[in-house]
Amino acid sequence: MRSEGSVMLQRAAGTQWEKARKLGVNQRTVSRWESGMSRPRSFEDRDACRRVYGIPFEARMRAAPISDAAATATA
């Protein structure tokens, strides 16, 4: 489940293509990281994510979940 905080960070950091270019990975990798299908494994990838997103990748994953009511209200 995506959180409100992670959605805001994803939007603020630009498109997946832009983030992929900054991170030196492909867009599919960014998509997997953002959806929670996988996580950055190397220290270098985690450090690059911190620079692009502005916070440690692990902190992004711990943001509070969006409630169904809030998601519906903003849609």
N, C-alpha and C. Protein backbone atom coordinates (compact mmCIF):
# COMPACT_ATOMS: atom_id res chain seq x y z
N MET A 1 0.84 -1.18 0.00
CA MET A 1 0.00 0.00 0.00
C MET A 1 0.88 1.24 0.00
N ARG A 2 0.56 2.19 -0.87
CA ARG A 2 1.33 3.42 -0.90
C ARG A 2 0.83 4.36 0.18
N SER A 3 1.71 5.17 0.67
CA SER A 3 1.34 6.11 1.71
C SER A 3 1.23 7.51 1.13
N GLU A 4 0.53 8.38 1.86
CA GLU A 4 0.39 9.77 1.43
C GLU A 4 1.77 10.41 1.31
N GLY A 5 2.63 10.14 2.29
CA GLY A 5 3.98 10.70 2.26
C GLY A 5 4.78 10.22 1.07
N SER A 6 4.68 8.93 0.74
CA SER A 6 5.45 8.41 -0.38
C SER A 6 4.93 8.96 -1.70
N VAL A 7 3.61 9.14 -1.82
CA VAL A 7 3.04 9.71 -3.04
C VAL A 7 3.53 11.14 -3.22
N MET A 8 3.53 11.92 -2.14
CA MET A 8 4.00 13.30 -2.22
C MET A 8 5.46 13.36 -2.61
N LEU A 9 6.28 12.48 -2.04
CA LEU A 9 7.70 12.46 -2.38
C LEU A 9 7.92 12.07 -3.82
N GLN A 10 7.17 11.08 -4.30
CA GLN A 10 7.31 10.65 -5.68
C GLN A 10 7.00 11.80 -6.63
N ARG A 11 5.94 12.53 -6.37
CA ARG A 11 5.55 13.65 -7.24
C ARG A 11 6.57 14.78 -7.17
N ALA A 12 7.06 15.08 -5.98
CA ALA A 12 8.00 16.18 -5.80
C ALA A 12 9.34 15.90 -6.47
N ALA A 13 9.72 14.65 -6.55
CA ALA A 13 11.02 14.29 -7.11
C ALA A 13 11.01 14.22 -8.63
N GLY A 14 9.86 14.38 -9.27
CA GLY A 14 9.78 14.35 -10.73
C GLY A 14 9.23 13.04 -11.25
N THR A 15 9.31 12.87 -12.55
CA THR A 15 8.80 11.64 -13.17
C THR A 15 9.75 10.48 -12.90
N GLN A 16 9.26 9.28 -13.12
CA GLN A 16 10.12 8.11 -12.95
C GLN A 16 11.29 8.17 -13.92
N TRP A 17 11.07 8.68 -15.12
CA TRP A 17 12.17 8.80 -16.09
C TRP A 17 13.24 9.76 -15.58
N GLU A 18 12.81 10.89 -15.02
CA GLU A 18 13.76 11.87 -14.48
C GLU A 18 14.55 11.28 -13.32
N LYS A 19 13.84 10.60 -12.41
CA LYS A 19 14.52 10.00 -11.26
C LYS A 19 15.48 8.91 -11.71
N ALA A 20 15.07 8.11 -12.69
CA ALA A 20 15.94 7.04 -13.19
C ALA A 20 17.23 7.63 -13.74
N ARG A 21 17.12 8.71 -14.49
CA ARG A 21 18.31 9.35 -15.05
C ARG A 21 19.23 9.84 -13.94
N LYS A 22 18.65 10.49 -12.91
CA LYS A 22 19.44 10.99 -11.79
C LYS A 22 20.09 9.86 -10.99
N LEU A 23 19.37 8.73 -10.89
CA LEU A 23 19.85 7.60 -10.09
C LEU A 23 20.78 6.68 -10.86
N GLY A 24 20.80 6.81 -12.19
CA GLY A 24 21.64 5.93 -13.00
C GLY A 24 21.07 4.53 -13.14
N VAL A 25 19.73 4.42 -13.08
CA VAL A 25 19.05 3.14 -13.26
C VAL A 25 17.99 3.33 -14.33
N ASN A 26 17.30 2.24 -14.71
CA ASN A 26 16.24 2.42 -15.69
C ASN A 26 14.91 2.73 -15.01
N GLN A 27 13.95 3.19 -15.79
CA GLN A 27 12.64 3.60 -15.27
C GLN A 27 11.93 2.44 -14.60
N ARG A 28 12.08 1.25 -15.13
CA ARG A 28 11.42 0.07 -14.54
C ARG A 28 11.91 -0.18 -13.11
N THR A 29 13.19 0.04 -12.87
CA THR A 29 13.75 -0.12 -11.53
C THR A 29 13.11 0.88 -10.57
N VAL A 30 13.00 2.14 -10.99
CA VAL A 30 12.35 3.16 -10.15
C VAL A 30 10.91 2.76 -9.86
N SER A 31 10.21 2.27 -10.87
CA SER A 31 8.82 1.84 -10.70
C SER A 31 8.72 0.73 -9.65
N ARG A 32 9.62 -0.24 -9.71
CA ARG A 32 9.61 -1.34 -8.74
C ARG A 32 9.90 -0.84 -7.33
N TRP A 33 10.85 0.08 -7.21
CA TRP A 33 11.17 0.62 -5.89
C TRP A 33 9.97 1.38 -5.33
N GLU A 34 9.35 2.22 -6.16
CA GLU A 34 8.25 3.05 -5.67
C GLU A 34 7.00 2.24 -5.36
N SER A 35 6.80 1.14 -6.06
CA SER A 35 5.62 0.31 -5.81
C SER A 35 5.83 -0.66 -4.65
N GLY A 36 7.07 -0.78 -4.20
CA GLY A 36 7.38 -1.70 -3.11
C GLY A 36 7.69 -3.12 -3.57
N MET A 37 7.75 -3.33 -4.89
CA MET A 37 8.07 -4.67 -5.42
C MET A 37 9.51 -5.07 -5.11
N SER A 38 10.39 -4.08 -5.01
CA SER A 38 11.77 -4.34 -4.64
C SER A 38 12.30 -3.09 -3.94
N ARG A 39 13.52 -3.20 -3.43
CA ARG A 39 14.15 -2.09 -2.72
C ARG A 39 15.56 -1.91 -3.24
N PRO A 40 16.10 -0.70 -3.12
CA PRO A 40 17.50 -0.51 -3.49
C PRO A 40 18.38 -1.40 -2.61
N ARG A 41 19.26 -2.16 -3.22
CA ARG A 41 20.06 -3.12 -2.45
C ARG A 41 21.42 -2.57 -2.04
N SER A 42 22.06 -1.86 -2.93
CA SER A 42 23.41 -1.41 -2.62
C SER A 42 23.39 -0.11 -1.83
N PHE A 43 24.45 0.12 -1.10
CA PHE A 43 24.59 1.37 -0.35
C PHE A 43 24.54 2.55 -1.31
N GLU A 44 25.17 2.41 -2.47
CA GLU A 44 25.20 3.49 -3.44
C GLU A 44 23.79 3.83 -3.93
N ASP A 45 22.98 2.81 -4.21
CA ASP A 45 21.60 3.06 -4.65
C ASP A 45 20.78 3.72 -3.55
N ARG A 46 20.93 3.25 -2.31
CA ARG A 46 20.18 3.85 -1.21
C ARG A 46 20.62 5.30 -0.99
N ASP A 47 21.92 5.56 -1.11
CA ASP A 47 22.42 6.92 -0.95
C ASP A 47 21.92 7.82 -2.08
N ALA A 48 21.89 7.30 -3.30
CA ALA A 48 21.37 8.08 -4.43
C ALA A 48 19.89 8.39 -4.23
N CYS A 49 19.12 7.44 -3.73
CA CYS A 49 17.70 7.67 -3.45
C CYS A 49 17.53 8.76 -2.41
N ARG A 50 18.39 8.76 -1.41
CA ARG A 50 18.32 9.80 -0.38
C ARG A 50 18.52 11.18 -1.01
N ARG A 51 19.46 11.27 -1.94
CA ARG A 51 19.71 12.56 -2.59
C ARG A 51 18.53 12.98 -3.47
N VAL A 52 17.95 12.04 -4.22
CA VAL A 52 16.85 12.37 -5.14
C VAL A 52 15.56 12.66 -4.39
N TYR A 53 15.22 11.82 -3.41
CA TYR A 53 13.95 11.98 -2.69
C TYR A 53 14.06 12.97 -1.53
N GLY A 54 15.27 13.24 -1.07
CA GLY A 54 15.46 14.19 0.02
C GLY A 54 15.42 13.58 1.40
N ILE A 55 15.12 12.29 1.50
CA ILE A 55 15.12 11.56 2.78
C ILE A 55 15.63 10.16 2.51
N PRO A 56 16.06 9.44 3.55
CA PRO A 56 16.48 8.05 3.35
C PRO A 56 15.34 7.22 2.77
N PHE A 57 15.66 6.30 1.88
CA PHE A 57 14.64 5.47 1.24
C PHE A 57 13.80 4.74 2.27
N GLU A 58 14.42 4.25 3.34
CA GLU A 58 13.70 3.51 4.37
C GLU A 58 12.65 4.39 5.04
N ALA A 59 12.95 5.67 5.23
CA ALA A 59 11.98 6.59 5.85
C ALA A 59 10.79 6.80 4.93
N ARG A 60 11.02 6.83 3.64
CA ARG A 60 9.93 6.96 2.68
C ARG A 60 8.97 5.78 2.78
N MET A 61 9.51 4.61 3.01
CA MET A 61 8.70 3.40 3.09
C MET A 61 7.88 3.36 4.38
N ARG A 62 8.29 4.11 5.42
CA ARG A 62 7.59 4.08 6.71
C ARG A 62 6.52 5.15 6.85
N ALA A 63 6.29 5.97 5.82
CA ALA A 63 5.30 7.05 5.91
C ALA A 63 3.92 6.47 6.18
N ALA A 64 3.06 7.26 6.81
CA ALA A 64 1.72 6.80 7.19
C ALA A 64 0.88 6.43 5.97
N PRO A 65 0.13 5.30 6.04
CA PRO A 65 -0.69 4.90 4.90
C PRO A 65 -1.86 5.84 4.65
N ILE A 66 -2.27 5.91 3.40
CA ILE A 66 -3.45 6.69 3.03
C ILE A 66 -4.68 5.87 3.35
N SER A 67 -5.65 6.46 4.03
CA SER A 67 -6.89 5.74 4.31
C SER A 67 -7.72 5.68 3.03
N ASP A 68 -8.61 4.69 2.92
CA ASP A 68 -9.46 4.57 1.74
C ASP A 68 -10.33 5.81 1.56
N ALA A 69 -10.84 6.36 2.66
CA ALA A 69 -11.69 7.55 2.59
C ALA A 69 -10.90 8.75 2.06
N ALA A 70 -9.68 8.92 2.53
CA ALA A 70 -8.85 10.04 2.08
C ALA A 70 -8.48 9.88 0.62
N ALA A 71 -8.18 8.66 0.20
CA ALA A 71 -7.82 8.42 -1.19
C ALA A 71 -9.01 8.70 -2.10
N THR A 72 -10.21 8.33 -1.67
CA THR A 72 -11.41 8.57 -2.47
C THR A 72 -11.73 10.06 -2.53
N ALA A 73 -11.55 10.75 -1.42
CA ALA A 73 -11.87 12.18 -1.36
C ALA A 73 -10.97 13.01 -2.25
N THR A 74 -9.71 12.58 -2.44
CA THR A 74 -8.77 13.34 -3.24
C THR A 74 -8.76 12.91 -4.69
N ALA A 75 -9.45 11.83 -5.01
CA ALA A 75 -9.44 11.32 -6.39
C ALA A 75 -10.35 12.11 -7.29
